[in-house]
Amino acid sequence: MNIINDQIDFNFSRPLDIQKNLNLKKAKSLYENSISLKEKNLLLEKHLKLLLIELFYCWYESNEQFLSLSMSKRGYNSKSRYNPNNISSYTIQAVNLLKKDKLIDFFPGFFDRKTKKSRQTRIRASQNLRNYFEDSLQFVDKRINHPKREFVIVRDQFNNKVEYKDSFKTHEIREILSEYNNILSTCIIDVPTYEKNFFIRSDKRKIAISETGSQANILFKKGSDNVEKFDGCWWNKIDISLVNLFQKKFLINNTTTSYVDLNDFFENYLLKQLNINRLKISDDFSFTQICKIISKGLKLESYESLIKSLCLEKGNFFVDINISINDIRLKVDSFLKKNQEISSHFFKGNPINWESVVANIFLKLLMNIVPAKIPVFLIHEKIYFPSDFQQNILKTLDEILEKELGSTNNLLKVYPCESYNFKNKAFFSNIFSRKIKCSNRYLNRVSNQRLK
């Protein structure tokens, strides 16, 4: 037994991002100060630059985090539209060189015969490389995307990326997403009192609070014109339990923040799609949990599939994470009995998709407010925004919701986040003017943003 390896959380990792800008000053500096090739090799140099800059930003996000990557030639497609740097299986040679020079900690991938799951190779900067990283923190680029980075992603039924032909719509969305990501690179959304640099979900998965690794992508299913969901940012990866815990604690740009909960319009959606008038609240589940359960039940094809799904997410739906499967069945049966009008539509593989509706509403919002450079954030079904822009956001959202769901503005409720006792509303106002103690991590983030 390898005791050291048993104590390492290999699940705390993110995939190698092959869409970084390799012309960054940081990339050149890392390469020139870390590597000495015997012979000039521009192809190897490019792949080493990518690995070094990715190792740096992975470490910068959290020194416990790994990069996951393929050590198989089949894992690379240098001609893909999602690969503007034309990164190829030459990555494998570059990884082996870093390993030989003891610049990385290397943990090979394997296939777990018990779980029937494969785990890709994990790498992270070795102590030697980390020492150089520590000395090179005087400049950290925040805008790190390749100029031709692809933000529009199309996936097949197996969740694999697929190539697609451009259209007027994809061009329009790509432009909006590109500008939105520029806004994100100059903004902060965070929980000021939270000390760690990662959140822990109910499934024990760690989510790094990344300053630089959050790129907003928009996902489509092959053959569909509707947005499937937004992805790519750290706040897209947190689960229901974390949202419930921190929903009123998020802060944007260190100023007063509010949010709108689109779940307030879930019944409007059901009324429009299925003519369901009113949901009956269950003592066993919150309204947010009810929305999730209904969304699952409509899409799944059997009762047992729903039970299995809830068993896998116990921490998100039940106070007692050790709840037995029989007790889960009792709670679900009670809910279904109370809501027979909606439960009669369950387990029929219904194509209704509330997550997709929420994503489409948010995309329409971005198209209206991104040109005005207003920062907004979608966290599950909640849209966060600086309170100073409330009037702009509500007016635009009201128009979108009227068109999409037939709702009226008297349903549009705004929820304030914690005020943190600000003395003024200036951008990045005095972070020491609050009675509530901020974490050192958060103070450093704000300080770094000021120095950009």
Protein backbone atom coordinates (compact mmCIF):
# COMPACT_ATOMS: atom_id res chain seq x y z
CA MET A 1 0.00 0.00 0.00
CA ASN A 2 1.26 3.46 -0.94
CA ILE A 3 0.35 5.56 2.09
CA ILE A 4 1.41 8.85 0.48
CA ASN A 5 -0.72 8.22 -2.61
CA ASP A 6 -3.67 7.13 -0.46
CA GLN A 7 -3.66 10.57 1.17
CA ILE A 8 -3.71 12.43 -2.17
CA ASP A 9 -7.05 13.51 -3.59
CA PHE A 10 -6.68 12.61 -7.27
CA ASN A 11 -10.28 13.68 -7.88
CA PHE A 12 -9.25 17.27 -7.17
CA SER A 13 -8.19 17.90 -10.74
CA ARG A 14 -9.15 19.71 -13.90
CA PRO A 15 -8.53 18.80 -17.55
CA LEU A 16 -5.58 20.27 -19.46
CA ASP A 17 -6.83 23.45 -21.15
CA ILE A 18 -5.44 23.42 -24.68
CA GLN A 19 -7.00 26.79 -25.54
CA LYS A 20 -4.60 28.99 -23.57
CA ASN A 21 -2.77 31.88 -25.27
CA LEU A 22 0.79 30.64 -25.71
CA ASN A 23 2.03 34.11 -26.63
CA LEU A 24 1.54 35.33 -23.09
CA LYS A 25 4.54 36.92 -21.43
CA LYS A 26 4.11 34.39 -18.64
CA ALA A 27 4.33 31.42 -21.02
CA LYS A 28 7.59 32.68 -22.52
CA SER A 29 9.08 33.41 -19.09
CA LEU A 30 8.16 29.99 -17.68
CA TYR A 31 9.66 28.19 -20.65
CA GLU A 32 12.91 30.17 -20.83
CA ASN A 33 13.59 29.83 -17.10
CA SER A 34 12.59 26.19 -16.65
CA ILE A 35 13.68 24.27 -19.75
CA SER A 36 16.93 23.91 -21.66
CA LEU A 37 16.63 21.90 -24.89
CA LYS A 38 19.79 20.55 -26.49
CA GLU A 39 18.42 21.16 -29.98
CA LYS A 40 15.93 23.69 -31.33
CA ASN A 41 12.51 22.08 -31.63
CA LEU A 42 9.64 24.54 -32.17
CA LEU A 43 6.95 21.85 -31.95
CA LEU A 44 8.23 20.53 -28.63
CA GLU A 45 8.70 24.10 -27.40
CA LYS A 46 5.02 24.88 -28.08
CA HIS A 47 3.81 21.86 -26.15
CA LEU A 48 6.17 22.56 -23.26
CA LYS A 49 4.89 26.15 -23.08
CA LEU A 50 1.33 24.88 -22.83
CA LEU A 51 2.18 22.40 -20.08
CA LEU A 52 4.21 24.92 -18.08
CA ILE A 53 1.61 27.66 -18.20
CA GLU A 54 -1.13 25.17 -17.34
CA LEU A 55 0.91 23.78 -14.45
CA PHE A 56 1.40 27.33 -13.20
CA TYR A 57 -2.26 28.32 -13.30
CA CYS A 58 -3.35 24.97 -11.88
CA TRP A 59 -0.99 25.57 -8.93
CA TYR A 60 -2.09 29.22 -8.70
CA GLU A 61 -5.72 28.09 -8.31
CA SER A 62 -4.79 25.60 -5.58
CA ASN A 63 -1.51 23.89 -4.78
CA GLU A 64 -3.45 20.67 -4.09
CA GLN A 65 -5.00 20.53 -7.55
CA PHE A 66 -3.89 18.24 -10.40
CA LEU A 67 -4.03 18.50 -14.17
CA SER A 68 -5.58 15.48 -15.87
CA LEU A 69 -4.48 14.60 -19.41
CA SER A 70 -4.32 11.78 -21.89
CA MET A 71 -1.11 9.82 -22.46
CA SER A 72 -2.64 8.16 -25.51
CA LYS A 73 -2.37 9.44 -29.08
CA ARG A 74 -6.12 8.93 -29.43
CA GLY A 75 -6.67 11.65 -26.83
CA TYR A 76 -5.65 14.47 -29.20
CA ASN A 77 -7.11 15.97 -32.36
CA SER A 78 -4.84 18.74 -33.57
CA LYS A 79 -7.27 19.73 -36.35
CA SER A 80 -10.29 20.27 -34.09
CA ARG A 81 -12.00 23.67 -33.90
CA TYR A 82 -11.67 23.30 -30.11
CA ASN A 83 -7.87 23.21 -30.48
CA PRO A 84 -6.68 26.62 -31.81
CA ASN A 85 -3.08 25.87 -30.77
CA ASN A 86 -3.09 22.60 -32.78
CA ILE A 87 -1.93 20.70 -29.72
CA SER A 88 -1.20 17.08 -30.65
CA SER A 89 0.00 13.83 -29.12
CA TYR A 90 3.40 15.54 -29.00
CA THR A 91 2.11 16.46 -25.53
CA ILE A 92 3.12 12.98 -24.40
CA GLN A 93 6.78 13.62 -25.32
CA ALA A 94 6.66 16.98 -23.53
CA VAL A 95 5.21 15.36 -20.39
CA ASN A 96 7.93 12.72 -20.39
CA LEU A 97 10.61 15.41 -20.70
CA LEU A 98 9.19 17.32 -17.70
CA LYS A 99 9.03 14.04 -15.80
CA LYS A 100 12.66 13.23 -16.67
CA ASP A 101 13.80 16.69 -15.53
CA LYS A 102 11.84 16.24 -12.26
CA LEU A 103 9.68 19.28 -12.93
CA ILE A 104 6.40 17.43 -12.38
CA ASP A 105 4.87 14.91 -10.01
CA PHE A 106 3.52 12.19 -12.31
CA PHE A 107 0.75 9.72 -11.48
CA PRO A 108 -0.18 7.40 -14.37
CA GLY A 109 -3.76 6.70 -15.30
CA PHE A 110 -5.38 3.30 -14.91
CA PHE A 111 -8.60 1.36 -15.40
CA ASP A 112 -10.41 0.42 -12.19
CA ARG A 113 -11.86 -3.03 -12.82
CA LYS A 114 -14.09 -2.81 -9.75
CA THR A 115 -15.84 0.45 -10.68
CA LYS A 116 -15.37 -0.06 -14.45
CA LYS A 117 -14.04 3.49 -14.69
CA SER A 118 -10.85 4.85 -16.21
CA ARG A 119 -8.76 7.58 -14.62
CA GLN A 120 -6.52 9.72 -16.76
CA THR A 121 -2.93 10.52 -15.86
CA ARG A 122 -2.51 13.27 -13.24
CA ILE A 123 0.38 15.73 -13.13
CA ARG A 124 1.25 18.75 -11.03
CA ALA A 125 4.29 20.95 -10.56
CA SER A 126 7.10 19.38 -8.53
CA GLN A 127 8.60 21.24 -5.59
CA ASN A 128 11.45 22.46 -7.80
CA LEU A 129 9.01 24.02 -10.25
CA ARG A 130 6.83 25.38 -7.46
CA ASN A 131 9.80 27.23 -6.04
CA TYR A 132 10.16 29.04 -9.36
CA PHE A 133 6.41 29.69 -9.47
CA GLU A 134 6.64 31.35 -6.04
CA ASP A 135 9.38 33.65 -7.32
CA SER A 136 7.43 34.59 -10.46
CA LEU A 137 4.23 35.89 -8.86
CA GLN A 138 5.04 39.54 -9.56
CA PHE A 139 2.97 39.29 -12.71
CA VAL A 140 0.01 36.98 -13.36
CA ASP A 141 -1.92 37.39 -16.61
CA LYS A 142 -5.69 37.19 -16.09
CA ARG A 143 -6.71 37.33 -19.74
CA ILE A 144 -5.23 34.03 -20.80
CA ASN A 145 -7.46 32.78 -23.62
CA HIS A 146 -6.27 32.11 -27.14
CA PRO A 147 -7.69 34.83 -29.45
CA LYS A 148 -9.61 32.11 -31.31
CA ARG A 149 -10.79 30.26 -28.24
CA GLU A 150 -13.99 28.32 -28.84
CA PHE A 151 -16.75 29.10 -26.33
CA VAL A 152 -19.59 27.39 -28.24
CA ILE A 153 -19.44 23.63 -27.67
CA VAL A 154 -21.61 21.01 -29.36
CA ARG A 155 -21.84 17.52 -27.87
CA ASP A 156 -23.33 14.24 -29.06
CA GLN A 157 -25.53 11.82 -27.09
CA PHE A 158 -22.40 10.35 -25.49
CA ASN A 159 -21.28 13.80 -24.28
CA ASN A 160 -18.34 13.93 -26.72
CA LYS A 161 -17.44 17.19 -28.43
CA VAL A 162 -18.33 17.20 -32.12
CA GLU A 163 -17.27 19.49 -34.95
CA TYR A 164 -19.97 21.71 -36.45
CA LYS A 165 -20.47 24.20 -39.25
CA ASP A 166 -20.62 27.88 -38.42
CA SER A 167 -23.81 29.84 -38.88
CA PHE A 168 -24.96 33.38 -38.19
CA LYS A 169 -26.28 32.17 -34.82
CA THR A 170 -23.00 30.55 -33.72
CA HIS A 171 -21.05 33.66 -34.77
CA GLU A 172 -23.40 35.88 -32.77
CA ILE A 173 -23.24 33.70 -29.66
CA ARG A 174 -19.45 33.37 -29.90
CA GLU A 175 -19.06 37.17 -30.00
CA ILE A 176 -21.30 37.57 -26.95
CA LEU A 177 -19.47 34.84 -25.03
CA SER A 178 -16.07 36.27 -25.95
CA GLU A 179 -17.03 39.70 -24.61
CA TYR A 180 -18.70 38.13 -21.56
CA ASN A 181 -15.48 36.29 -20.74
CA ASN A 182 -13.58 39.57 -21.04
CA ILE A 183 -15.95 40.99 -18.43
CA LEU A 184 -15.42 37.96 -16.19
CA SER A 185 -11.64 38.44 -16.37
CA THR A 186 -12.04 41.88 -14.73
CA CYS A 187 -14.62 40.83 -12.11
CA ILE A 188 -14.79 38.93 -8.86
CA ILE A 189 -17.64 36.81 -7.55
CA ASP A 190 -16.83 35.19 -4.24
CA VAL A 191 -17.86 34.53 -0.65
CA PRO A 192 -15.78 37.07 1.32
CA THR A 193 -15.85 35.18 4.62
CA TYR A 194 -14.82 31.83 3.14
CA GLU A 195 -11.16 31.01 3.86
CA LYS A 196 -10.31 27.96 1.74
CA ASN A 197 -9.45 28.24 -1.95
CA PHE A 198 -11.88 25.45 -2.81
CA PHE A 199 -15.43 24.41 -1.94
CA ILE A 200 -16.31 20.82 -1.05
CA ARG A 201 -19.51 19.41 -2.55
CA SER A 202 -21.73 16.83 -0.88
CA ASP A 203 -20.00 14.12 -2.94
CA LYS A 204 -16.66 15.26 -1.39
CA ARG A 205 -15.48 16.67 -4.74
CA LYS A 206 -13.35 19.80 -4.35
CA ILE A 207 -14.09 22.81 -6.57
CA ALA A 208 -11.26 25.35 -6.88
CA ILE A 209 -12.33 29.01 -6.58
CA SER A 210 -10.42 29.88 -9.70
CA GLU A 211 -9.41 33.42 -10.65
CA THR A 212 -8.07 32.36 -14.03
CA GLY A 213 -9.51 28.95 -14.92
CA SER A 214 -13.14 30.00 -15.29
CA GLN A 215 -14.08 30.35 -18.96
CA ALA A 216 -17.82 30.56 -19.64
CA ASN A 217 -18.79 28.04 -22.30
CA ILE A 218 -22.20 27.43 -23.77
CA LEU A 219 -23.18 23.84 -24.55
CA PHE A 220 -25.55 22.59 -27.23
CA LYS A 221 -26.68 19.05 -27.99
CA LYS A 222 -26.03 17.99 -31.57
CA GLY A 223 -29.03 18.82 -33.75
CA SER A 224 -30.61 21.17 -31.19
CA ASP A 225 -30.95 24.94 -31.40
CA ASN A 226 -31.62 25.24 -27.69
CA VAL A 227 -28.84 25.86 -25.19
CA GLU A 228 -28.25 22.79 -23.03
CA LYS A 229 -26.42 24.62 -20.24
CA PHE A 230 -23.58 26.97 -19.33
CA ASP A 231 -20.34 25.39 -18.19
CA GLY A 232 -16.65 26.03 -17.56
CA CYS A 233 -16.67 28.36 -14.54
CA TRP A 234 -16.10 27.25 -10.96
CA TRP A 235 -19.59 28.41 -9.93
CA ASN A 236 -21.08 26.06 -12.55
CA LYS A 237 -19.61 23.10 -10.65
CA ILE A 238 -21.01 23.70 -7.16
CA ASP A 239 -24.00 21.61 -6.11
CA ILE A 240 -27.41 22.26 -4.50
CA SER A 241 -26.09 21.88 -0.94
CA LEU A 242 -23.45 24.59 -1.51
CA VAL A 243 -25.96 26.90 -3.20
CA ASN A 244 -28.34 26.51 -0.26
CA LEU A 245 -25.52 27.29 2.16
CA PHE A 246 -24.02 30.30 0.36
CA GLN A 247 -26.81 31.70 -1.84
CA LYS A 248 -27.05 34.95 0.16
CA LYS A 249 -23.31 35.27 0.76
CA PHE A 250 -22.02 35.81 -2.79
CA LEU A 251 -20.56 39.21 -3.58
CA ILE A 252 -19.72 40.72 -6.97
CA ASN A 253 -16.84 43.21 -7.28
CA ASN A 254 -16.84 43.82 -3.55
CA THR A 255 -20.11 45.75 -3.72
CA THR A 256 -23.74 45.11 -2.73
CA THR A 257 -25.20 42.20 -4.66
CA SER A 258 -28.68 40.83 -5.38
CA TYR A 259 -30.15 37.89 -7.27
CA VAL A 260 -33.28 36.68 -9.02
CA ASP A 261 -34.29 33.02 -8.59
CA LEU A 262 -35.70 31.64 -11.86
CA ASN A 263 -37.19 28.75 -9.88
CA ASP A 264 -39.85 31.30 -8.90
CA PHE A 265 -41.11 30.81 -12.47
CA PHE A 266 -40.95 27.00 -12.53
CA GLU A 267 -44.70 26.69 -12.03
CA ASN A 268 -45.29 29.13 -14.90
CA TYR A 269 -43.18 26.83 -17.05
CA LEU A 270 -45.15 23.73 -16.00
CA LEU A 271 -48.41 25.54 -16.62
CA LYS A 272 -47.33 26.49 -20.12
CA GLN A 273 -45.90 23.06 -21.01
CA LEU A 274 -48.17 20.63 -19.18
CA ASN A 275 -51.08 22.76 -17.93
CA ILE A 276 -50.11 22.05 -14.30
CA ASN A 277 -51.75 24.66 -12.06
CA ARG A 278 -50.06 24.44 -8.67
CA LEU A 279 -47.42 22.35 -6.94
CA LYS A 280 -48.07 21.10 -3.43
CA ILE A 281 -45.12 21.73 -1.15
CA SER A 282 -43.66 18.74 0.64
CA ASP A 283 -42.23 18.88 4.16
CA ASP A 284 -39.47 16.54 3.01
CA PHE A 285 -38.02 18.83 0.30
CA SER A 286 -37.33 22.53 -0.27
CA PHE A 287 -38.84 24.19 -3.33
CA THR A 288 -35.47 24.14 -5.10
CA GLN A 289 -35.18 20.41 -4.43
CA ILE A 290 -38.74 19.90 -5.69
CA CYS A 291 -37.87 21.65 -8.96
CA LYS A 292 -34.85 19.36 -9.36
CA ILE A 293 -36.85 16.21 -8.56
CA ILE A 294 -39.59 17.13 -11.03
CA SER A 295 -37.00 17.88 -13.72
CA LYS A 296 -35.44 14.47 -13.11
CA GLY A 297 -38.78 12.65 -13.03
CA LEU A 298 -39.93 14.17 -16.32
CA LYS A 299 -36.73 13.20 -18.16
CA LEU A 300 -36.13 9.74 -16.64
CA GLU A 301 -37.88 6.63 -17.87
CA SER A 302 -38.50 4.74 -14.63
CA TYR A 303 -39.21 5.15 -10.93
CA GLU A 304 -36.09 3.15 -10.07
CA SER A 305 -33.94 5.54 -12.13
CA LEU A 306 -35.20 8.44 -10.01
CA ILE A 307 -34.49 6.59 -6.76
CA LYS A 308 -31.00 5.70 -7.98
CA SER A 309 -30.33 9.33 -8.96
CA LEU A 310 -31.41 10.61 -5.54
CA CYS A 311 -29.33 7.95 -3.80
CA LEU A 312 -26.25 9.20 -5.67
CA GLU A 313 -26.99 12.77 -4.51
CA LYS A 314 -28.07 12.16 -0.90
CA GLY A 315 -26.19 15.22 0.34
CA ASN A 316 -28.19 17.46 -1.97
CA PHE A 317 -31.66 16.18 -1.08
CA PHE A 318 -31.61 14.82 2.45
CA VAL A 319 -30.48 16.15 5.83
CA ASP A 320 -29.24 12.70 6.78
CA ILE A 321 -26.70 11.61 4.15
CA ASN A 322 -26.89 8.08 5.62
CA ILE A 323 -30.60 7.82 4.89
CA SER A 324 -31.67 4.34 3.81
CA ILE A 325 -33.03 3.59 0.37
CA ASN A 326 -36.35 2.57 1.94
CA ASP A 327 -36.70 5.97 3.62
CA ILE A 328 -35.85 7.67 0.32
CA ARG A 329 -38.64 5.70 -1.34
CA LEU A 330 -41.09 6.75 1.38
CA LYS A 331 -40.28 10.44 0.95
CA VAL A 332 -40.48 10.26 -2.84
CA ASP A 333 -43.74 8.26 -2.73
CA SER A 334 -45.25 10.86 -0.38
CA PHE A 335 -44.28 13.68 -2.73
CA LEU A 336 -45.62 11.89 -5.81
CA LYS A 337 -48.91 11.14 -4.05
CA LYS A 338 -49.37 14.80 -3.10
CA ASN A 339 -48.58 15.92 -6.64
CA GLN A 340 -50.39 13.37 -8.80
CA GLU A 341 -51.14 16.00 -11.44
CA ILE A 342 -47.45 16.40 -12.26
CA SER A 343 -46.32 12.87 -11.30
CA SER A 344 -48.66 11.44 -13.95
CA HIS A 345 -46.20 12.89 -16.49
CA PHE A 346 -43.18 11.20 -14.84
CA PHE A 347 -41.05 8.39 -16.28
CA LYS A 348 -42.01 8.89 -19.90
CA GLY A 349 -38.70 10.28 -21.15
CA ASN A 350 -40.31 13.69 -21.53
CA PRO A 351 -38.03 16.09 -23.46
CA ILE A 352 -39.00 18.98 -21.15
CA ASN A 353 -35.76 20.45 -19.76
CA TRP A 354 -35.92 23.25 -17.16
CA GLU A 355 -32.11 23.59 -17.03
CA SER A 356 -32.14 24.30 -20.76
CA VAL A 357 -34.90 26.90 -20.36
CA VAL A 358 -32.89 28.64 -17.62
CA ALA A 359 -29.76 28.62 -19.82
CA ASN A 360 -31.69 30.09 -22.78
CA ILE A 361 -33.10 32.87 -20.57
CA PHE A 362 -29.60 33.68 -19.31
CA LEU A 363 -28.21 33.74 -22.87
CA LYS A 364 -30.90 36.22 -23.91
CA LEU A 365 -30.03 38.32 -20.87
CA LEU A 366 -26.34 38.32 -21.86
CA MET A 367 -27.19 39.44 -25.37
CA ASN A 368 -28.91 42.47 -23.91
CA ILE A 369 -26.58 43.49 -21.07
CA VAL A 370 -23.07 42.37 -22.15
CA PRO A 371 -22.74 45.38 -24.52
CA ALA A 372 -23.33 47.57 -21.44
CA LYS A 373 -20.55 45.64 -19.61
CA ILE A 374 -22.82 44.70 -16.69
CA PRO A 375 -21.47 41.63 -14.83
CA VAL A 376 -24.05 38.90 -14.23
CA PHE A 377 -23.57 35.32 -13.02
CA LEU A 378 -25.78 32.24 -13.35
CA ILE A 379 -25.46 29.89 -10.37
CA HIS A 380 -27.89 27.02 -10.83
CA GLU A 381 -31.23 28.84 -11.37
CA LYS A 382 -30.13 32.07 -9.67
CA ILE A 383 -28.93 35.13 -11.58
CA TYR A 384 -26.60 37.37 -9.51
CA PHE A 385 -25.87 41.00 -10.35
CA PRO A 386 -24.55 44.18 -8.66
CA SER A 387 -27.49 45.88 -6.93
CA ASP A 388 -26.66 49.18 -8.62
CA PHE A 389 -27.79 47.63 -11.93
CA GLN A 390 -31.02 46.19 -10.55
CA GLN A 391 -33.33 48.38 -12.62
CA ASN A 392 -31.54 47.45 -15.88
CA ILE A 393 -31.54 43.74 -15.06
CA LEU A 394 -35.19 43.58 -13.98
CA LYS A 395 -36.45 45.49 -17.00
CA THR A 396 -34.58 43.20 -19.40
CA LEU A 397 -35.49 40.00 -17.54
CA ASP A 398 -39.14 40.98 -17.37
CA GLU A 399 -39.27 41.34 -21.16
CA ILE A 400 -37.51 37.98 -21.65
CA LEU A 401 -39.73 36.14 -19.17
CA GLU A 402 -42.89 37.65 -20.64
CA LYS A 403 -41.92 36.26 -24.03
CA GLU A 404 -40.59 32.89 -22.86
CA LEU A 405 -43.00 31.99 -20.05
CA GLY A 406 -45.85 34.47 -20.34
CA SER A 407 -45.08 35.79 -16.84
CA THR A 408 -45.58 39.34 -15.60
CA ASN A 409 -43.32 41.65 -13.63
CA ASN A 410 -45.28 41.21 -10.38
CA LEU A 411 -43.64 37.77 -10.09
CA LEU A 412 -40.11 39.09 -10.48
CA LYS A 413 -38.76 39.09 -6.95
CA VAL A 414 -35.28 40.34 -6.00
CA TYR A 415 -33.36 38.76 -3.14
CA PRO A 416 -30.59 40.80 -1.46
CA CYS A 417 -27.29 39.15 -0.55
CA GLU A 418 -25.58 40.01 2.72
CA SER A 419 -24.58 43.67 2.83
CA TYR A 420 -21.27 43.14 4.70
CA ASN A 421 -21.80 46.66 6.08
CA PHE A 422 -20.27 48.66 3.26
CA LYS A 423 -19.68 52.35 3.96
CA ASN A 424 -19.95 53.31 0.30
CA LYS A 425 -20.84 51.81 -3.08
CA ALA A 426 -17.68 52.64 -4.99
CA PHE A 427 -16.23 49.94 -7.24
CA PHE A 428 -13.98 47.75 -5.06
CA SER A 429 -14.90 49.90 -2.08
CA ASN A 430 -12.85 49.86 1.11
CA ILE A 431 -12.56 46.20 2.02
CA PHE A 432 -11.57 47.06 5.59
CA SER A 433 -14.72 49.10 6.25
CA ARG A 434 -16.84 46.10 7.22
CA LYS A 435 -17.59 44.71 10.65
CA ILE A 436 -17.61 41.19 9.27
CA LYS A 437 -14.12 39.70 9.03
CA CYS A 438 -13.10 38.74 5.49
CA SER A 439 -10.85 35.80 4.74
CA ASN A 440 -7.21 36.42 3.85
CA ARG A 441 -7.82 34.55 0.60
CA TYR A 442 -10.57 36.99 -0.38
CA LEU A 443 -8.54 40.06 0.60
CA ASN A 444 -5.70 38.79 -1.59
CA ARG A 445 -8.09 38.32 -4.52
CA VAL A 446 -9.35 41.86 -4.26
CA SER A 447 -5.79 43.17 -3.90
CA ASN A 448 -4.67 41.19 -6.98
CA GLN A 449 -7.59 42.54 -8.98
CA ARG A 450 -6.68 46.10 -8.09
CA LEU A 451 -3.11 45.54 -9.25
CA LYS A 452 -4.13 44.21 -12.68
